[in-house]
Amino acid sequence: MATEKLTSKNSSVKPQGDKKMFDFAFGRKNYILMIAGIVVLGIGYLLMTGGGSDNPEVFNYDLFNTRRLVIAPLVILAGIILEIVAIMKKPD
Protein backbone atom coordinates (compact mmCIF):
# COMPACT_ATOMS: atom_id res chain seq x y z
CA MET A 1 0.00 0.00 0.00
CA ALA A 2 2.85 2.39 0.82
CA THR A 3 4.59 1.67 -2.50
CA GLU A 4 1.40 2.43 -4.42
CA LYS A 5 1.25 5.88 -2.83
CA LEU A 6 4.90 6.52 -3.68
CA THR A 7 4.47 5.64 -7.33
CA SER A 8 1.38 7.78 -7.70
CA LYS A 9 3.17 10.81 -6.20
CA ASN A 10 6.26 10.35 -8.37
CA SER A 11 4.46 10.03 -11.69
CA SER A 12 6.87 12.49 -13.34
CA VAL A 13 9.83 10.11 -12.98
CA LYS A 14 11.13 8.95 -16.37
CA PRO A 15 11.29 5.26 -17.16
CA GLN A 16 14.73 3.64 -17.07
CA GLY A 17 14.84 3.23 -20.87
CA ASP A 18 14.79 7.00 -21.46
CA LYS A 19 17.50 7.83 -18.91
CA LYS A 20 20.34 10.00 -20.25
CA MET A 21 23.90 9.98 -18.98
CA PHE A 22 24.07 13.78 -18.57
CA ASP A 23 21.38 16.40 -18.43
CA PHE A 24 22.85 19.65 -19.80
CA ALA A 25 21.17 23.02 -19.41
CA PHE A 26 21.51 23.83 -23.13
CA GLY A 27 21.32 21.86 -26.33
CA ARG A 28 24.12 21.18 -28.80
CA LYS A 29 23.16 24.13 -31.04
CA ASN A 30 23.20 26.46 -28.04
CA TYR A 31 26.77 25.51 -27.20
CA ILE A 32 27.87 25.88 -30.82
CA LEU A 33 26.32 29.36 -30.94
CA MET A 34 28.03 30.27 -27.66
CA ILE A 35 31.43 29.21 -28.99
CA ALA A 36 30.78 31.15 -32.20
CA GLY A 37 29.87 34.21 -30.14
CA ILE A 38 33.10 33.95 -28.15
CA VAL A 39 35.10 33.68 -31.39
CA VAL A 40 33.34 36.76 -32.83
CA LEU A 41 34.05 38.68 -29.61
CA GLY A 42 37.71 37.68 -29.82
CA ILE A 43 37.93 38.87 -33.42
CA GLY A 44 36.38 42.19 -32.40
CA TYR A 45 38.91 42.70 -29.62
CA LEU A 46 41.78 41.78 -31.95
CA LEU A 47 40.54 44.36 -34.44
CA MET A 48 40.71 46.97 -31.71
CA THR A 49 44.37 46.32 -30.81
CA GLY A 50 47.45 48.11 -32.09
CA GLY A 51 48.15 51.71 -32.90
CA GLY A 52 51.03 52.16 -30.52
CA SER A 53 54.10 54.30 -31.19
CA ASP A 54 57.74 53.36 -30.75
CA ASN A 55 58.60 56.88 -29.62
CA PRO A 56 56.50 58.22 -26.70
CA GLU A 57 57.20 61.78 -27.84
CA VAL A 58 55.41 61.24 -31.18
CA PHE A 59 51.61 60.88 -31.35
CA ASN A 60 50.38 58.16 -33.67
CA TYR A 61 47.20 59.20 -35.53
CA ASP A 62 46.62 55.59 -36.56
CA LEU A 63 44.79 55.25 -33.26
CA PHE A 64 41.74 57.00 -34.71
CA ASN A 65 41.09 54.92 -37.81
CA THR A 66 37.84 53.37 -38.99
CA ARG A 67 38.82 49.85 -38.02
CA ARG A 68 39.22 50.72 -34.33
CA LEU A 69 36.40 53.22 -33.99
CA VAL A 70 33.65 51.66 -36.13
CA ILE A 71 34.30 48.10 -37.29
CA ALA A 72 35.65 46.60 -34.05
CA PRO A 73 32.79 47.86 -31.83
CA LEU A 74 30.22 46.62 -34.37
CA VAL A 75 31.86 43.17 -34.42
CA ILE A 76 31.88 43.09 -30.61
CA LEU A 77 28.21 44.09 -30.55
CA ALA A 78 27.43 41.29 -33.02
CA GLY A 79 29.23 38.84 -30.72
CA ILE A 80 27.22 39.98 -27.71
CA ILE A 81 23.97 39.64 -29.66
CA LEU A 82 25.02 36.15 -30.77
CA GLU A 83 25.67 35.20 -27.13
CA ILE A 84 22.23 36.47 -26.12
CA VAL A 85 20.60 34.46 -28.91
CA ALA A 86 22.56 31.37 -27.87
CA ILE A 87 21.35 31.68 -24.28
CA MET A 88 17.73 32.52 -25.11
CA LYS A 89 17.26 29.89 -27.87
CA LYS A 90 15.10 27.02 -26.72
CA PRO A 91 17.20 23.82 -26.51
CA ASP A 92 16.27 21.04 -28.89
PDB file of N, CA and C in Angstrom:
ATOM      1  N   MET A   1       0.817  -1.187   0.000  1.00  0.00           N
ATOM      2  CA  MET A   1       0.000   0.000   0.000  1.00  0.00           C
ATOM      3  C   MET A   1       0.867   1.259   0.000  1.00  0.00           C
ATOM      4  N   ALA A   2       1.971   1.226   0.747  1.00  0.00           N
ATOM      5  CA  ALA A   2       2.854   2.393   0.818  1.00  0.00           C
ATOM      6  C   ALA A   2       3.571   2.600  -0.519  1.00  0.00           C
ATOM      7  N   THR A   3       3.899   1.515  -1.212  1.00  0.00           N
ATOM      8  CA  THR A   3       4.587   1.668  -2.504  1.00  0.00           C
ATOM      9  C   THR A   3       3.646   2.205  -3.562  1.00  0.00           C
ATOM     10  N   GLU A   4       2.357   1.886  -3.463  1.00  0.00           N
ATOM     11  CA  GLU A   4       1.400   2.427  -4.416  1.00  0.00           C
ATOM     12  C   GLU A   4       1.278   3.940  -4.270  1.00  0.00           C
ATOM     13  N   LYS A   5       1.324   4.446  -3.053  1.00  0.00           N
ATOM     14  CA  LYS A   5       1.247   5.884  -2.827  1.00  0.00           C
ATOM     15  C   LYS A   5       2.503   6.576  -3.348  1.00  0.00           C
ATOM     16  N   LEU A   6       3.658   5.938  -3.190  1.00  0.00           N
ATOM     17  CA  LEU A   6       4.901   6.523  -3.677  1.00  0.00           C
ATOM     18  C   LEU A   6       4.923   6.628  -5.200  1.00  0.00           C
ATOM     19  N   THR A   7       4.457   5.603  -5.874  1.00  0.00           N
ATOM     20  CA  THR A   7       4.475   5.644  -7.334  1.00  0.00           C
ATOM     21  C   THR A   7       3.467   6.636  -7.881  1.00  0.00           C
ATOM     22  N   SER A   8       2.356   6.818  -7.204  1.00  0.00           N
ATOM     23  CA  SER A   8       1.379   7.779  -7.701  1.00  0.00           C
ATOM     24  C   SER A   8       1.864   9.214  -7.490  1.00  0.00           C
ATOM     25  N   LYS A   9       2.630   9.478  -6.428  1.00  0.00           N
ATOM     26  CA  LYS A   9       3.166  10.811  -6.197  1.00  0.00           C
ATOM     27  C   LYS A   9       4.296  11.134  -7.166  1.00  0.00           C
ATOM     28  N   ASN A  10       5.101  10.150  -7.508  1.00  0.00           N
ATOM     29  CA  ASN A  10       6.257  10.351  -8.373  1.00  0.00           C
ATOM     30  C   ASN A  10       5.955   9.944  -9.815  1.00  0.00           C
ATOM     31  N   SER A  11       4.848  10.414 -10.335  1.00  0.00           N
ATOM     32  CA  SER A  11       4.459  10.028 -11.691  1.00  0.00           C
ATOM     33  C   SER A  11       5.303  10.730 -12.754  1.00  0.00           C
ATOM     34  N   SER A  12       6.057  11.770 -12.366  1.00  0.00           N
ATOM     35  CA  SER A  12       6.875  12.494 -13.341  1.00  0.00           C
ATOM     36  C   SER A  12       8.253  11.861 -13.542  1.00  0.00           C
ATOM     37  N   VAL A  13       8.531  10.781 -12.849  1.00  0.00           N
ATOM     38  CA  VAL A  13       9.826  10.109 -12.984  1.00  0.00           C
ATOM     39  C   VAL A  13       9.875   9.405 -14.335  1.00  0.00           C
ATOM     40  N   LYS A  14      10.986   9.579 -15.046  1.00  0.00           N
ATOM     41  CA  LYS A  14      11.134   8.946 -16.367  1.00  0.00           C
ATOM     42  C   LYS A  14      11.412   7.458 -16.225  1.00  0.00           C
ATOM     43  N   PRO A  15      10.957   6.673 -17.178  1.00  0.00           N
ATOM     44  CA  PRO A  15      11.293   5.257 -17.161  1.00  0.00           C
ATOM     45  C   PRO A  15      12.795   5.062 -17.385  1.00  0.00           C
ATOM     46  N   GLN A  16      13.298   3.913 -16.981  1.00  0.00           N
ATOM     47  CA  GLN A  16      14.728   3.637 -17.073  1.00  0.00           C
ATOM     48  C   GLN A  16      15.235   3.624 -18.509  1.00  0.00           C
ATOM     49  N   GLY A  17      14.416   3.295 -19.476  1.00  0.00           N
ATOM     50  CA  GLY A  17      14.839   3.230 -20.869  1.00  0.00           C
ATOM     51  C   GLY A  17      15.173   4.593 -21.455  1.00  0.00           C
ATOM     52  N   ASP A  18      14.575   5.660 -20.943  1.00  0.00           N
ATOM     53  CA  ASP A  18      14.793   7.004 -21.463  1.00  0.00           C
ATOM     54  C   ASP A  18      15.838   7.789 -20.668  1.00  0.00           C
ATOM     55  N   LYS A  19      16.541   7.134 -19.762  1.00  0.00           N
ATOM     56  CA  LYS A  19      17.501   7.831 -18.909  1.00  0.00           C
ATOM     57  C   LYS A  19      18.740   8.226 -19.706  1.00  0.00           C
ATOM     58  N   LYS A  20      19.153   9.502 -19.569  1.00  0.00           N
ATOM     59  CA  LYS A  20      20.341  10.000 -20.250  1.00  0.00           C
ATOM     60  C   LYS A  20      21.507   9.982 -19.272  1.00  0.00           C
ATOM     61  N   MET A  21      22.712   9.955 -19.825  1.00  0.00           N
ATOM     62  CA  MET A  21      23.897   9.976 -18.982  1.00  0.00           C
ATOM     63  C   MET A  21      24.052  11.344 -18.313  1.00  0.00           C
ATOM     64  N   PHE A  22      23.911  12.426 -19.089  1.00  0.00           N
ATOM     65  CA  PHE A  22      24.071  13.778 -18.573  1.00  0.00           C
ATOM     66  C   PHE A  22      22.865  14.608 -18.979  1.00  0.00           C
ATOM     67  N   ASP A  23      22.488  15.515 -18.129  1.00  0.00           N
ATOM     68  CA  ASP A  23      21.383  16.404 -18.431  1.00  0.00           C
ATOM     69  C   ASP A  23      21.926  17.833 -18.454  1.00  0.00           C
ATOM     70  N   PHE A  24      22.274  18.327 -19.646  1.00  0.00           N
ATOM     71  CA  PHE A  24      22.847  19.651 -19.801  1.00  0.00           C
ATOM     72  C   PHE A  24      21.754  20.708 -19.814  1.00  0.00           C
ATOM     73  N   ALA A  25      22.137  21.926 -19.455  1.00  0.00           N
ATOM     74  CA  ALA A  25      21.174  23.021 -19.407  1.00  0.00           C
ATOM     75  C   ALA A  25      20.801  23.495 -20.808  1.00  0.00           C
ATOM     76  N   PHE A  26      21.734  23.381 -21.759  1.00  0.00           N
ATOM     77  CA  PHE A  26      21.507  23.834 -23.126  1.00  0.00           C
ATOM     78  C   PHE A  26      21.681  22.673 -24.085  1.00  0.00           C
ATOM     79  N   GLY A  27      21.165  22.862 -25.290  1.00  0.00           N
ATOM     80  CA  GLY A  27      21.320  21.856 -26.328  1.00  0.00           C
ATOM     81  C   GLY A  27      22.620  22.041 -27.090  1.00  0.00           C
ATOM     82  N   ARG A  28      22.880  21.145 -28.019  1.00  0.00           N
ATOM     83  CA  ARG A  28      24.117  21.176 -28.805  1.00  0.00           C
ATOM     84  C   ARG A  28      24.231  22.464 -29.618  1.00  0.00           C
ATOM     85  N   LYS A  29      23.133  22.897 -30.234  1.00  0.00           N
ATOM     86  CA  LYS A  29      23.162  24.125 -31.040  1.00  0.00           C
ATOM     87  C   LYS A  29      23.438  25.352 -30.178  1.00  0.00           C
ATOM     88  N   ASN A  30      22.946  25.337 -28.946  1.00  0.00           N
ATOM     89  CA  ASN A  30      23.202  26.455 -28.039  1.00  0.00           C
ATOM     90  C   ASN A  30      24.697  26.585 -27.755  1.00  0.00           C
ATOM     91  N   TYR A  31      25.346  25.469 -27.490  1.00  0.00           N
ATOM     92  CA  TYR A  31      26.775  25.511 -27.196  1.00  0.00           C
ATOM     93  C   TYR A  31      27.586  25.916 -28.428  1.00  0.00           C
ATOM     94  N   ILE A  32      27.171  25.477 -29.588  1.00  0.00           N
ATOM     95  CA  ILE A  32      27.870  25.878 -30.820  1.00  0.00           C
ATOM     96  C   ILE A  32      27.723  27.381 -31.039  1.00  0.00           C
ATOM     97  N   LEU A  33      26.525  27.923 -30.812  1.00  0.00           N
ATOM     98  CA  LEU A  33      26.320  29.363 -30.939  1.00  0.00           C
ATOM     99  C   LEU A  33      27.127  30.142 -29.902  1.00  0.00           C
ATOM    100  N   MET A  34      27.243  29.600 -28.693  1.00  0.00           N
ATOM    101  CA  MET A  34      28.031  30.269 -27.662  1.00  0.00           C
ATOM    102  C   MET A  34      29.508  30.325 -28.040  1.00  0.00           C
ATOM    103  N   ILE A  35      30.029  29.228 -28.559  1.00  0.00           N
ATOM    104  CA  ILE A  35      31.429  29.208 -28.992  1.00  0.00           C
ATOM    105  C   ILE A  35      31.632  30.172 -30.154  1.00  0.00           C
ATOM    106  N   ALA A  36      30.681  30.208 -31.079  1.00  0.00           N
ATOM    107  CA  ALA A  36      30.782  31.147 -32.202  1.00  0.00           C
ATOM    108  C   ALA A  36      30.751  32.589 -31.705  1.00  0.00           C
ATOM    109  N   GLY A  37      29.924  32.873 -30.711  1.00  0.00           N
ATOM    110  CA  GLY A  37      29.868  34.211 -30.144  1.00  0.00           C
ATOM    111  C   GLY A  37      31.175  34.614 -29.476  1.00  0.00           C
ATOM    112  N   ILE A  38      31.811  33.674 -28.785  1.00  0.00           N
ATOM    113  CA  ILE A  38      33.102  33.952 -28.155  1.00  0.00           C
ATOM    114  C   ILE A  38      34.160  34.221 -29.203  1.00  0.00           C
ATOM    115  N   VAL A  39      34.133  33.453 -30.301  1.00  0.00           N
ATOM    116  CA  VAL A  39      35.095  33.677 -31.390  1.00  0.00           C
ATOM    117  C   VAL A  39      34.888  35.058 -32.015  1.00  0.00           C
ATOM    118  N   VAL A  40      33.631  35.440 -32.250  1.00  0.00           N
ATOM    119  CA  VAL A  40      33.339  36.760 -32.828  1.00  0.00           C
ATOM    120  C   VAL A  40      33.789  37.867 -31.876  1.00  0.00           C
ATOM    121  N   LEU A  41      33.575  37.693 -30.582  1.00  0.00           N
ATOM    122  CA  LEU A  41      34.050  38.679 -29.613  1.00  0.00           C
ATOM    123  C   LEU A  41      35.574  38.796 -29.651  1.00  0.00           C
ATOM    124  N   GLY A  42      36.251  37.668 -29.738  1.00  0.00           N
ATOM    125  CA  GLY A  42      37.712  37.676 -29.818  1.00  0.00           C
ATOM    126  C   GLY A  42      38.212  38.405 -31.059  1.00  0.00           C
ATOM    127  N   ILE A  43      37.552  38.178 -32.177  1.00  0.00           N
ATOM    128  CA  ILE A  43      37.932  38.874 -33.417  1.00  0.00           C
ATOM    129  C   ILE A  43      37.728  40.379 -33.256  1.00  0.00           C
ATOM    130  N   GLY A  44      36.636  40.773 -32.625  1.00  0.00           N
ATOM    131  CA  GLY A  44      36.384  42.192 -32.399  1.00  0.00           C
ATOM    132  C   GLY A  44      37.450  42.841 -31.534  1.00  0.00           C
ATOM    133  N   TYR A  45      37.870  42.148 -30.486  1.00  0.00           N
ATOM    134  CA  TYR A  45      38.911  42.702 -29.622  1.00  0.00           C
ATOM    135  C   TYR A  45      40.262  42.734 -30.338  1.00  0.00           C
ATOM    136  N   LEU A  46      40.525  41.755 -31.170  1.00  0.00           N
ATOM    137  CA  LEU A  46      41.775  41.777 -31.946  1.00  0.00           C
ATOM    138  C   LEU A  46      41.783  42.926 -32.955  1.00  0.00           C
ATOM    139  N   LEU A  47      40.619  43.231 -33.522  1.00  0.00           N
ATOM    140  CA  LEU A  47      40.539  44.364 -34.444  1.00  0.00           C
ATOM    141  C   LEU A  47      40.796  45.694 -33.739  1.00  0.00           C
ATOM    142  N   MET A  48      40.551  45.728 -32.449  1.00  0.00           N
ATOM    143  CA  MET A  48      40.708  46.970 -31.705  1.00  0.00           C
ATOM    144  C   MET A  48      42.154  47.200 -31.242  1.00  0.00           C
ATOM    145  N   THR A  49      43.000  46.193 -31.317  1.00  0.00           N
ATOM    146  CA  THR A  49      44.366  46.320 -30.806  1.00  0.00           C
ATOM    147  C   THR A  49      45.257  47.090 -31.767  1.00  0.00           C
ATOM    148  N   GLY A  50      46.431  47.446 -31.271  1.00  0.00           N
ATOM    149  CA  GLY A  50      47.449  48.110 -32.089  1.00  0.00           C
ATOM    150  C   GLY A  50      47.373  49.608 -32.000  1.00  0.00           C
ATOM    151  N   GLY A  51      48.160  50.255 -32.845  1.00  0.00           N
ATOM    152  CA  GLY A  51      48.150  51.713 -32.901  1.00  0.00           C
ATOM    153  C   GLY A  51      49.143  52.372 -31.985  1.00  0.00           C
ATOM    154  N   GLY A  52      50.042  51.590 -31.415  1.00  0.00           N
ATOM    155  CA  GLY A  52      51.031  52.164 -30.521  1.00  0.00           C
ATOM    156  C   GLY A  52      52.153  52.839 -31.297  1.00  0.00           C
ATOM    157  N   SER A  53      52.980  53.586 -30.577  1.00  0.00           N
ATOM    158  CA  SER A  53      54.098  54.295 -31.185  1.00  0.00           C
ATOM    159  C   SER A  53      55.388  53.841 -30.519  1.00  0.00           C
ATOM    160  N   ASP A  54      56.447  53.741 -31.306  1.00  0.00           N
ATOM    161  CA  ASP A  54      57.740  53.358 -30.754  1.00  0.00           C
ATOM    162  C   ASP A  54      58.337  54.493 -29.919  1.00  0.00           C
ATOM    163  N   ASN A  55      58.079  55.707 -30.309  1.00  0.00           N
ATOM    164  CA  ASN A  55      58.600  56.879 -29.618  1.00  0.00           C
ATOM    165  C   ASN A  55      57.472  57.537 -28.825  1.00  0.00           C
ATOM    166  N   PRO A  56      57.589  57.627 -27.489  1.00  0.00           N
ATOM    167  CA  PRO A  56      56.496  58.219 -26.704  1.00  0.00           C
ATOM    168  C   PRO A  56      56.322  59.719 -26.930  1.00  0.00           C
ATOM    169  N   GLU A  57      57.292  60.344 -27.572  1.00  0.00           N
ATOM    170  CA  GLU A  57      57.199  61.780 -27.844  1.00  0.00           C
ATOM    171  C   GLU A  57      56.372  62.083 -29.096  1.00  0.00           C
ATOM    172  N   VAL A  58      56.113  61.064 -29.908  1.00  0.00           N
ATOM    173  CA  VAL A  58      55.406  61.242 -31.177  1.00  0.00           C
ATOM    174  C   VAL A  58      54.023  60.617 -31.054  1.00  0.00           C
ATOM    175  N   PHE A  59      52.992  61.385 -31.381  1.00  0.00           N
ATOM    176  CA  PHE A  59      51.613  60.880 -31.346  1.00  0.00           C
ATOM    177  C   PHE A  59      51.308  60.140 -32.643  1.00  0.00           C
ATOM    178  N   ASN A  60      50.728  58.977 -32.517  1.00  0.00           N
ATOM    179  CA  ASN A  60      50.384  58.159 -33.672  1.00  0.00           C
ATOM    180  C   ASN A  60      48.900  58.356 -33.992  1.00  0.00           C
ATOM    181  N   TYR A  61      48.599  58.944 -35.134  1.00  0.00           N
ATOM    182  CA  TYR A  61      47.205  59.196 -35.529  1.00  0.00           C
ATOM    183  C   TYR A  61      46.499  57.937 -36.033  1.00  0.00           C
ATOM    184  N   ASP A  62      47.233  56.844 -36.135  1.00  0.00           N
ATOM    185  CA  ASP A  62      46.622  55.586 -36.561  1.00  0.00           C
ATOM    186  C   ASP A  62      45.646  55.064 -35.500  1.00  0.00           C
ATOM    187  N   LEU A  63      45.703  55.636 -34.333  1.00  0.00           N
ATOM    188  CA  LEU A  63      44.794  55.246 -33.256  1.00  0.00           C
ATOM    189  C   LEU A  63      43.334  55.530 -33.604  1.00  0.00           C
ATOM    190  N   PHE A  64      43.105  56.571 -34.394  1.00  0.00           N
ATOM    191  CA  PHE A  64      41.740  56.995 -34.710  1.00  0.00           C
ATOM    192  C   PHE A  64      41.331  56.596 -36.126  1.00  0.00           C
ATOM    193  N   ASN A  65      41.514  55.346 -36.484  1.00  0.00           N
ATOM    194  CA  ASN A  65      41.089  54.923 -37.813  1.00  0.00           C
ATOM    195  C   ASN A  65      39.732  54.209 -37.742  1.00  0.00           C
ATOM    196  N   THR A  66      39.183  53.946 -38.899  1.00  0.00           N
ATOM    197  CA  THR A  66      37.840  53.367 -38.994  1.00  0.00           C
ATOM    198  C   THR A  66      37.772  51.967 -38.393  1.00  0.00           C
ATOM    199  N   ARG A  67      38.828  51.218 -38.534  1.00  0.00           N
ATOM    200  CA  ARG A  67      38.819  49.848 -38.019  1.00  0.00           C
ATOM    201  C   ARG A  67      38.624  49.835 -36.509  1.00  0.00           C
ATOM    202  N   ARG A  68      39.302  50.707 -35.795  1.00  0.00           N
ATOM    203  CA  ARG A  68      39.225  50.718 -34.330  1.00  0.00           C
ATOM    204  C   ARG A  68      37.994  51.445 -33.798  1.00  0.00           C
ATOM    205  N   LEU A  69      37.518  52.429 -34.503  1.00  0.00           N
ATOM    206  CA  LEU A  69      36.404  53.221 -33.988  1.00  0.00           C
ATOM    207  C   LEU A  69      35.027  52.762 -34.451  1.00  0.00           C
ATOM    208  N   VAL A  70      34.959  52.046 -35.584  1.00  0.00           N
ATOM    209  CA  VAL A  70      33.650  51.660 -36.126  1.00  0.00           C
ATOM    210  C   VAL A  70      33.518  50.148 -36.249  1.00  0.00           C
ATOM    211  N   ILE A  71      34.434  49.520 -36.956  1.00  0.00           N
ATOM    212  CA  ILE A  71      34.297  48.100 -37.289  1.00  0.00           C
ATOM    213  C   ILE A  71      34.422  47.221 -36.046  1.00  0.00           C
ATOM    214  N   ALA A  72      35.451  47.442 -35.236  1.00  0.00           N
ATOM    215  CA  ALA A  72      35.651  46.599 -34.051  1.00  0.00           C
ATOM    216  C   ALA A  72      34.478  46.672 -33.074  1.00  0.00           C
ATOM    217  N   PRO A  73      33.959  47.855 -32.730  1.00  0.00           N
ATOM    218  CA  PRO A  73      32.789  47.864 -31.834  1.00  0.00           C
ATOM    219  C   PRO A  73      31.550  47.185 -32.429  1.00  0.00           C
ATOM    220  N   LEU A  74      31.363  47.305 -33.741  1.00  0.00           N
ATOM    221  CA  LEU A  74      30.223  46.617 -34.367  1.00  0.00           C
ATOM    222  C   LEU A  74      30.390  45.103 -34.314  1.00  0.00           C
ATOM    223  N   VAL A  75      31.604  44.620 -34.508  1.00  0.00           N
ATOM    224  CA  VAL A  75      31.862  43.174 -34.425  1.00  0.00           C
ATOM    225  C   VAL A  75      31.647  42.687 -32.994  1.00  0.00           C
ATOM    226  N   ILE A  76      32.092  43.469 -32.018  1.00  0.00           N
ATOM    227  CA  ILE A  76      31.880  43.091 -30.613  1.00  0.00           C
ATOM    228  C   ILE A  76      30.387  43.085 -30.279  1.00  0.00           C
ATOM    229  N   LEU A  77      29.652  44.056 -30.772  1.00  0.00           N
ATOM    230  CA  LEU A  77      28.205  44.090 -30.555  1.00  0.00           C
ATOM    231  C   LEU A  77      27.523  42.874 -31.187  1.00  0.00           C
ATOM    232  N   ALA A  78      27.980  42.484 -32.374  1.00  0.00           N
ATOM    233  CA  ALA A  78      27.430  41.286 -33.018  1.00  0.00           C
ATOM    234  C   ALA A  78      27.722  40.044 -32.183  1.00  0.00           C
ATOM    235  N   GLY A  79      28.904  39.965 -31.577  1.00  0.00           N
ATOM    236  CA  GLY A  79      29.234  38.836 -30.715  1.00  0.00           C
ATOM    237  C   GLY A  79      28.366  38.785 -29.471  1.00  0.00           C
ATOM    238  N   ILE A  80      28.087  39.942 -28.890  1.00  0.00           N
ATOM    239  CA  ILE A  80      27.220  39.984 -27.710  1.00  0.00           C
ATOM    240  C   ILE A  80      25.795  39.567 -28.071  1.00  0.00           C
ATOM    241  N   ILE A  81      25.312  40.032 -29.209  1.00  0.00           N
ATOM    242  CA  ILE A  81      23.966  39.641 -29.665  1.00  0.00           C
ATOM    243  C   ILE A  81      23.914  38.141 -29.931  1.00  0.00           C
ATOM    244  N   LEU A  82      24.967  37.593 -30.514  1.00  0.00           N
ATOM    245  CA  LEU A  82      25.024  36.147 -30.768  1.00  0.00           C
ATOM    246  C   LEU A  82      25.014  35.365 -29.459  1.00  0.00           C
ATOM    247  N   GLU A  83      25.697  35.862 -28.442  1.00  0.00           N
ATOM    248  CA  GLU A  83      25.669  35.200 -27.135  1.00  0.00           C
ATOM    249  C   GLU A  83      24.273  35.242 -26.514  1.00  0.00           C
ATOM    250  N   ILE A  84      23.594  36.360 -26.654  1.00  0.00           N
ATOM    251  CA  ILE A  84      22.228  36.469 -26.117  1.00  0.00           C
ATOM    252  C   ILE A  84      21.292  35.504 -26.831  1.00  0.00           C
ATOM    253  N   VAL A  85      21.431  35.406 -28.147  1.00  0.00           N
ATOM    254  CA  VAL A  85      20.604  34.460 -28.912  1.00  0.00           C
ATOM    255  C   VAL A  85      20.903  33.021 -28.484  1.00  0.00           C
ATOM    256  N   ALA A  86      22.179  32.726 -28.264  1.00  0.00           N
ATOM    257  CA  ALA A  86      22.564  31.366 -27.868  1.00  0.00           C
ATOM    258  C   ALA A  86      21.969  31.004 -26.510  1.00  0.00           C
ATOM    259  N   ILE A  87      21.900  31.956 -25.604  1.00  0.00           N
ATOM    260  CA  ILE A  87      21.350  31.685 -24.277  1.00  0.00           C
ATOM    261  C   ILE A  87      19.826  31.600 -24.315  1.00  0.00           C
ATOM    262  N   MET A  88      19.193  32.460 -25.102  1.00  0.00           N
ATOM    263  CA  MET A  88      17.732  32.516 -25.113  1.00  0.00           C
ATOM    264  C   MET A  88      17.072  31.470 -26.013  1.00  0.00           C
ATOM    265  N   LYS A  89      17.828  30.886 -26.941  1.00  0.00           N
ATOM    266  CA  LYS A  89      17.263  29.892 -27.865  1.00  0.00           C
ATOM    267  C   LYS A  89      16.818  28.669 -27.070  1.00  0.00           C
ATOM    268  N   LYS A  90      15.647  28.195 -27.405  1.00  0.00           N
ATOM    269  CA  LYS A  90      15.104  27.022 -26.724  1.00  0.00           C
ATOM    270  C   LYS A  90      15.913  25.780 -27.126  1.00  0.00           C
ATOM    271  N   PRO A  91      16.400  25.019 -26.165  1.00  0.00           N
ATOM    272  CA  PRO A  91      17.200  23.815 -26.513  1.00  0.00           C
ATOM    273  C   PRO A  91      16.349  22.773 -27.218  1.00  0.00           C
ATOM    274  N   ASP A  92      16.974  22.074 -28.119  1.00  0.00           N
ATOM    275  CA  ASP A  92      16.266  21.039 -28.889  1.00  0.00           C
ATOM    276  C   ASP A  92      16.051  19.796 -28.082  1.00  0.00           C
TER     277      ASP A  92
END
